[in-house]
């Protein structure tokens, strides 16, 4: 037999963050949707960077002889460099936008704080 223990303890800070999302979604749906989309985009971009790194490492590991003679490896490195620069630029822009959205969300924090205090 196998037993799984689930901790249902709620911390005030965690509840406050969840309530902040609920309040903002209720008051400013566009803001919360934009935040959700940005978080997904940032995660996808970071995952793509990791995949590029893994592909380069795989090709380096499989390479035999001179690395410069391996056309697939050289082409992949060039493509990866361009893609990596584009993704890095997009990540910077996304993080700046996320910061601005978080600043706008902070206006609703007092409501979330009061609600979490009522719970406890």
N, C-alpha and C. Protein backbone atom coordinates (compact mmCIF):
# COMPACT_ATOMS: atom_id res chain seq x y z
N UNK A 1 0.84 -1.19 0.00
CA UNK A 1 0.00 0.00 0.00
C UNK A 1 0.88 1.25 0.00
N UNK A 2 0.34 2.27 -0.58
CA UNK A 2 1.07 3.53 -0.69
C UNK A 2 0.20 4.63 -0.11
N UNK A 3 0.80 5.49 0.67
CA UNK A 3 0.07 6.58 1.30
C UNK A 3 0.63 7.91 0.84
N UNK A 4 -0.25 8.81 0.50
CA UNK A 4 0.16 10.15 0.12
C UNK A 4 -0.38 11.13 1.14
N UNK A 5 0.49 11.98 1.62
CA UNK A 5 0.08 12.99 2.59
C UNK A 5 -0.01 14.32 1.86
N UNK A 6 -1.13 14.97 1.99
CA UNK A 6 -1.34 16.26 1.36
C UNK A 6 -1.48 17.30 2.46
N UNK A 7 -0.69 18.35 2.35
CA UNK A 7 -0.73 19.41 3.34
C UNK A 7 -1.70 20.48 2.85
N UNK A 8 -2.82 20.61 3.54
CA UNK A 8 -3.83 21.59 3.17
C UNK A 8 -3.70 22.88 3.98
N UNK A 9 -2.59 23.05 4.66
CA UNK A 9 -2.39 24.25 5.46
C UNK A 9 -2.28 25.46 4.53
N UNK A 10 -2.95 26.50 4.90
CA UNK A 10 -2.96 27.73 4.11
C UNK A 10 -2.16 28.78 4.86
N UNK A 11 -1.20 29.36 4.17
CA UNK A 11 -0.42 30.45 4.77
C UNK A 11 -1.07 31.76 4.37
N UNK A 12 -0.96 32.75 5.21
CA UNK A 12 -1.60 34.04 4.95
C UNK A 12 -1.06 34.68 3.67
N UNK A 13 0.24 34.57 3.45
CA UNK A 13 0.85 35.18 2.26
C UNK A 13 0.35 34.49 0.98
N UNK A 14 0.27 33.17 1.02
CA UNK A 14 -0.22 32.43 -0.13
C UNK A 14 -1.67 32.74 -0.45
N UNK A 15 -2.48 32.81 0.59
CA UNK A 15 -3.89 33.14 0.40
C UNK A 15 -4.02 34.56 -0.15
N UNK A 16 -3.20 35.46 0.37
CA UNK A 16 -3.23 36.85 -0.11
C UNK A 16 -2.90 36.92 -1.61
N UNK A 17 -1.91 36.16 -2.03
CA UNK A 17 -1.53 36.16 -3.45
C UNK A 17 -2.67 35.61 -4.32
N UNK A 18 -3.31 34.55 -3.84
CA UNK A 18 -4.44 33.99 -4.59
C UNK A 18 -5.61 34.98 -4.65
N UNK A 19 -5.89 35.61 -3.52
CA UNK A 19 -6.98 36.57 -3.49
C UNK A 19 -6.68 37.80 -4.34
N UNK A 20 -5.40 38.19 -4.40
CA UNK A 20 -5.02 39.31 -5.26
C UNK A 20 -5.34 38.97 -6.71
N UNK A 21 -5.00 37.77 -7.13
CA UNK A 21 -5.32 37.34 -8.49
C UNK A 21 -6.81 37.34 -8.75
N UNK A 22 -7.58 36.90 -7.77
CA UNK A 22 -9.05 36.86 -7.93
C UNK A 22 -9.62 38.28 -8.03
N UNK A 23 -9.15 39.17 -7.16
CA UNK A 23 -9.66 40.54 -7.16
C UNK A 23 -9.30 41.24 -8.47
N UNK A 24 -8.05 41.10 -8.89
CA UNK A 24 -7.63 41.75 -10.12
C UNK A 24 -8.38 41.17 -11.32
N UNK A 25 -8.58 39.85 -11.31
CA UNK A 25 -9.32 39.22 -12.41
C UNK A 25 -10.76 39.75 -12.46
N UNK A 26 -11.32 40.04 -11.30
CA UNK A 26 -12.69 40.56 -11.22
C UNK A 26 -12.76 42.02 -11.65
N UNK A 27 -11.80 42.82 -11.21
CA UNK A 27 -11.81 44.26 -11.47
C UNK A 27 -11.18 44.63 -12.81
N UNK A 28 -10.06 43.98 -13.13
CA UNK A 28 -9.31 44.31 -14.36
C UNK A 28 -8.94 43.02 -15.07
N UNK A 29 -9.90 42.42 -15.72
CA UNK A 29 -9.70 41.14 -16.39
C UNK A 29 -8.57 41.22 -17.41
N UNK A 30 -8.50 42.34 -18.13
CA UNK A 30 -7.45 42.51 -19.15
C UNK A 30 -6.06 42.43 -18.53
N UNK A 31 -5.90 43.02 -17.37
CA UNK A 31 -4.61 43.05 -16.69
C UNK A 31 -4.18 41.64 -16.27
N UNK A 32 -5.11 40.91 -15.71
CA UNK A 32 -4.79 39.56 -15.23
C UNK A 32 -4.53 38.61 -16.40
N UNK A 33 -5.30 38.75 -17.48
CA UNK A 33 -5.07 37.92 -18.67
C UNK A 33 -3.70 38.23 -19.27
N UNK A 34 -3.35 39.51 -19.31
CA UNK A 34 -2.05 39.90 -19.84
C UNK A 34 -0.93 39.31 -18.97
N UNK A 35 -1.11 39.33 -17.67
CA UNK A 35 -0.12 38.75 -16.75
C UNK A 35 0.01 37.25 -16.99
N UNK A 36 -1.11 36.56 -17.10
CA UNK A 36 -1.09 35.11 -17.34
C UNK A 36 -0.38 34.78 -18.65
N UNK A 37 -0.70 35.53 -19.70
CA UNK A 37 -0.06 35.30 -21.00
C UNK A 37 1.44 35.55 -20.94
N UNK A 38 1.84 36.59 -20.23
CA UNK A 38 3.27 36.89 -20.10
C UNK A 38 4.00 35.79 -19.37
N UNK A 39 3.42 35.29 -18.30
CA UNK A 39 4.05 34.22 -17.53
C UNK A 39 4.23 32.99 -18.42
N UNK A 40 3.21 32.65 -19.19
CA UNK A 40 3.31 31.51 -20.11
C UNK A 40 4.39 31.74 -21.16
N UNK A 41 4.43 32.96 -21.71
CA UNK A 41 5.40 33.28 -22.76
C UNK A 41 6.83 33.22 -22.23
N UNK A 42 7.04 33.76 -21.05
CA UNK A 42 8.37 33.73 -20.44
C UNK A 42 8.80 32.29 -20.20
N UNK A 43 7.89 31.47 -19.69
CA UNK A 43 8.22 30.06 -19.44
C UNK A 43 8.53 29.34 -20.75
N UNK A 44 7.76 29.61 -21.80
CA UNK A 44 8.00 28.95 -23.09
C UNK A 44 9.34 29.38 -23.67
N UNK A 45 9.66 30.67 -23.56
CA UNK A 45 10.94 31.17 -24.07
C UNK A 45 12.11 30.56 -23.31
N UNK A 46 11.99 30.47 -22.01
CA UNK A 46 13.06 29.87 -21.21
C UNK A 46 13.22 28.39 -21.54
N UNK A 47 12.10 27.71 -21.77
CA UNK A 47 12.15 26.29 -22.14
C UNK A 47 12.83 26.13 -23.50
N UNK A 48 12.55 27.05 -24.43
CA UNK A 48 13.17 26.99 -25.75
C UNK A 48 14.68 27.19 -25.66
N UNK A 49 15.12 28.09 -24.78
CA UNK A 49 16.56 28.29 -24.58
C UNK A 49 17.23 27.02 -24.06
N UNK A 50 16.58 26.36 -23.13
CA UNK A 50 17.12 25.11 -22.59
C UNK A 50 17.19 24.04 -23.68
N UNK A 51 16.15 23.97 -24.52
CA UNK A 51 16.14 23.01 -25.61
C UNK A 51 17.29 23.28 -26.59
N UNK A 52 17.54 24.56 -26.88
CA UNK A 52 18.65 24.91 -27.77
C UNK A 52 19.99 24.47 -27.17
N UNK A 53 20.16 24.74 -25.89
CA UNK A 53 21.39 24.33 -25.22
C UNK A 53 21.56 22.82 -25.26
N UNK A 54 20.47 22.10 -25.00
CA UNK A 54 20.53 20.63 -25.02
C UNK A 54 20.89 20.11 -26.41
N UNK A 55 20.33 20.72 -27.45
CA UNK A 55 20.62 20.30 -28.81
C UNK A 55 22.09 20.53 -29.16
N UNK A 56 22.62 21.67 -28.75
CA UNK A 56 24.04 21.96 -29.00
C UNK A 56 24.92 20.95 -28.27
N UNK A 57 24.60 20.68 -27.02
CA UNK A 57 25.39 19.71 -26.26
C UNK A 57 25.31 18.31 -26.88
N UNK A 58 24.13 17.94 -27.36
CA UNK A 58 23.96 16.64 -28.01
C UNK A 58 24.83 16.56 -29.26
N UNK A 59 24.82 17.63 -30.07
CA UNK A 59 25.61 17.63 -31.30
C UNK A 59 27.11 17.63 -30.99
N UNK A 60 27.50 18.37 -29.96
CA UNK A 60 28.92 18.38 -29.58
C UNK A 60 29.36 16.99 -29.11
N UNK A 61 28.50 16.34 -28.38
CA UNK A 61 28.82 15.01 -27.87
C UNK A 61 28.92 13.99 -29.01
N UNK A 62 28.09 14.15 -30.01
CA UNK A 62 28.05 13.19 -31.12
C UNK A 62 29.09 13.51 -32.20
N UNK A 63 29.69 14.70 -32.13
CA UNK A 63 30.63 15.11 -33.17
C UNK A 63 31.89 14.25 -33.14
N UNK A 64 32.34 13.93 -34.33
CA UNK A 64 33.59 13.17 -34.46
C UNK A 64 34.53 13.96 -35.34
N UNK A 65 35.77 13.97 -35.00
CA UNK A 65 36.76 14.72 -35.77
C UNK A 65 36.70 16.20 -35.43
N UNK A 66 37.01 17.02 -36.38
CA UNK A 66 37.03 18.47 -36.18
C UNK A 66 35.61 19.02 -36.08
N UNK A 67 35.38 19.85 -35.09
CA UNK A 67 34.07 20.45 -34.90
C UNK A 67 33.72 21.38 -36.05
N UNK A 68 34.72 22.02 -36.63
CA UNK A 68 34.48 22.97 -37.72
C UNK A 68 34.06 22.27 -39.01
N UNK A 69 34.37 20.99 -39.13
CA UNK A 69 33.99 20.23 -40.32
C UNK A 69 32.55 19.73 -40.26
N UNK A 70 31.97 19.74 -39.10
CA UNK A 70 30.59 19.27 -38.92
C UNK A 70 29.63 20.39 -39.30
N UNK A 71 29.11 20.32 -40.52
CA UNK A 71 28.25 21.39 -41.04
C UNK A 71 26.95 21.54 -40.25
N UNK A 72 26.38 20.43 -39.84
CA UNK A 72 25.14 20.47 -39.06
C UNK A 72 25.37 21.20 -37.74
N UNK A 73 26.48 20.90 -37.10
CA UNK A 73 26.80 21.54 -35.82
C UNK A 73 27.02 23.03 -36.01
N UNK A 74 27.79 23.42 -37.02
CA UNK A 74 28.07 24.84 -37.27
C UNK A 74 26.78 25.59 -37.58
N UNK A 75 25.94 24.98 -38.42
CA UNK A 75 24.66 25.61 -38.78
C UNK A 75 23.75 25.74 -37.56
N UNK A 76 23.71 24.70 -36.75
CA UNK A 76 22.89 24.73 -35.54
C UNK A 76 23.40 25.80 -34.57
N UNK A 77 24.71 25.93 -34.45
CA UNK A 77 25.28 26.96 -33.57
C UNK A 77 24.90 28.35 -34.06
N UNK A 78 24.97 28.57 -35.36
CA UNK A 78 24.62 29.89 -35.90
C UNK A 78 23.13 30.19 -35.69
N UNK A 79 22.30 29.22 -35.97
CA UNK A 79 20.86 29.39 -35.77
C UNK A 79 20.55 29.62 -34.30
N UNK A 80 21.19 28.85 -33.44
CA UNK A 80 20.97 28.97 -32.00
C UNK A 80 21.39 30.33 -31.48
N UNK A 81 22.46 30.85 -32.00
CA UNK A 81 22.94 32.16 -31.56
C UNK A 81 21.91 33.24 -31.87
N UNK A 82 21.40 33.23 -33.09
CA UNK A 82 20.40 34.22 -33.49
C UNK A 82 19.12 34.05 -32.67
N UNK A 83 18.67 32.82 -32.56
CA UNK A 83 17.45 32.54 -31.80
C UNK A 83 17.61 32.92 -30.34
N UNK A 84 18.75 32.63 -29.78
CA UNK A 84 19.03 32.95 -28.38
C UNK A 84 19.01 34.46 -28.15
N UNK A 85 19.58 35.21 -29.05
CA UNK A 85 19.56 36.67 -28.92
C UNK A 85 18.14 37.21 -29.00
N UNK A 86 17.35 36.68 -29.95
CA UNK A 86 15.96 37.12 -30.08
C UNK A 86 15.16 36.81 -28.81
N UNK A 87 15.33 35.60 -28.31
CA UNK A 87 14.60 35.19 -27.11
C UNK A 87 15.03 36.03 -25.91
N UNK A 88 16.32 36.30 -25.79
CA UNK A 88 16.80 37.11 -24.67
C UNK A 88 16.20 38.51 -24.71
N UNK A 89 16.11 39.08 -25.90
CA UNK A 89 15.50 40.41 -26.05
C UNK A 89 14.02 40.36 -25.68
N UNK A 90 13.32 39.31 -26.14
CA UNK A 90 11.91 39.16 -25.82
C UNK A 90 11.70 38.96 -24.32
N UNK A 91 12.60 38.22 -23.68
CA UNK A 91 12.50 38.00 -22.24
C UNK A 91 12.66 39.30 -21.47
N UNK A 92 13.61 40.14 -21.90
CA UNK A 92 13.80 41.43 -21.24
C UNK A 92 12.54 42.28 -21.34
N UNK A 93 11.97 42.34 -22.54
CA UNK A 93 10.75 43.13 -22.75
C UNK A 93 9.61 42.56 -21.92
N UNK A 94 9.48 41.24 -21.91
CA UNK A 94 8.41 40.59 -21.15
C UNK A 94 8.55 40.84 -19.66
N UNK A 95 9.76 40.79 -19.15
CA UNK A 95 9.98 41.01 -17.72
C UNK A 95 9.68 42.46 -17.35
N UNK A 96 10.01 43.40 -18.22
CA UNK A 96 9.68 44.81 -17.97
C UNK A 96 8.16 45.00 -17.95
N UNK A 97 7.49 44.37 -18.90
CA UNK A 97 6.03 44.47 -18.96
C UNK A 97 5.40 43.82 -17.73
N UNK A 98 5.93 42.69 -17.32
CA UNK A 98 5.41 42.01 -16.13
C UNK A 98 5.58 42.89 -14.90
N UNK A 99 6.69 43.59 -14.81
CA UNK A 99 6.92 44.49 -13.68
C UNK A 99 5.86 45.60 -13.67
N UNK A 100 5.56 46.16 -14.83
CA UNK A 100 4.55 47.23 -14.92
C UNK A 100 3.16 46.70 -14.53
N UNK A 101 2.85 45.49 -14.96
CA UNK A 101 1.57 44.88 -14.60
C UNK A 101 1.50 44.65 -13.09
N UNK A 102 2.61 44.17 -12.51
CA UNK A 102 2.64 43.94 -11.06
C UNK A 102 2.44 45.24 -10.29
N UNK A 103 3.01 46.34 -10.81
CA UNK A 103 2.79 47.63 -10.16
C UNK A 103 1.32 48.01 -10.17
N UNK A 104 0.66 47.78 -11.30
CA UNK A 104 -0.77 48.10 -11.40
C UNK A 104 -1.59 47.19 -10.47
N UNK A 105 -1.18 45.93 -10.33
CA UNK A 105 -1.89 44.99 -9.47
C UNK A 105 -1.77 45.37 -8.00
N UNK A 106 -0.67 46.01 -7.63
CA UNK A 106 -0.44 46.37 -6.23
C UNK A 106 -1.53 47.28 -5.68
N UNK A 107 -2.22 48.01 -6.54
CA UNK A 107 -3.32 48.87 -6.09
C UNK A 107 -4.44 48.07 -5.46
N UNK A 108 -4.53 46.80 -5.77
CA UNK A 108 -5.58 45.94 -5.24
C UNK A 108 -5.11 45.11 -4.05
N UNK A 109 -3.85 45.26 -3.66
CA UNK A 109 -3.32 44.46 -2.57
C UNK A 109 -4.04 44.69 -1.24
N UNK A 110 -4.41 45.95 -0.88
CA UNK A 110 -5.11 46.13 0.40
C UNK A 110 -6.38 45.29 0.51
N UNK A 111 -7.10 45.16 -0.57
CA UNK A 111 -8.31 44.33 -0.57
C UNK A 111 -7.96 42.88 -0.31
N UNK A 112 -6.92 42.38 -0.97
CA UNK A 112 -6.50 40.99 -0.78
C UNK A 112 -5.99 40.78 0.64
N UNK A 113 -5.28 41.76 1.19
CA UNK A 113 -4.77 41.63 2.56
C UNK A 113 -5.92 41.54 3.55
N UNK A 114 -6.91 42.41 3.38
CA UNK A 114 -8.06 42.39 4.30
C UNK A 114 -8.80 41.05 4.23
N UNK A 115 -8.97 40.56 3.02
CA UNK A 115 -9.69 39.29 2.86
C UNK A 115 -8.91 38.14 3.51
N UNK A 116 -7.57 38.14 3.36
CA UNK A 116 -6.79 37.05 3.96
C UNK A 116 -6.78 37.16 5.47
N UNK A 117 -6.82 38.37 6.00
CA UNK A 117 -6.89 38.56 7.46
C UNK A 117 -8.22 38.03 7.99
N UNK A 118 -9.30 38.25 7.23
CA UNK A 118 -10.61 37.74 7.66
C UNK A 118 -10.61 36.22 7.75
N UNK A 119 -9.87 35.57 6.88
CA UNK A 119 -9.79 34.11 6.88
C UNK A 119 -9.12 33.60 8.15
N UNK A 120 -8.09 34.32 8.58
CA UNK A 120 -7.35 33.88 9.76
C UNK A 120 -7.91 34.54 10.99
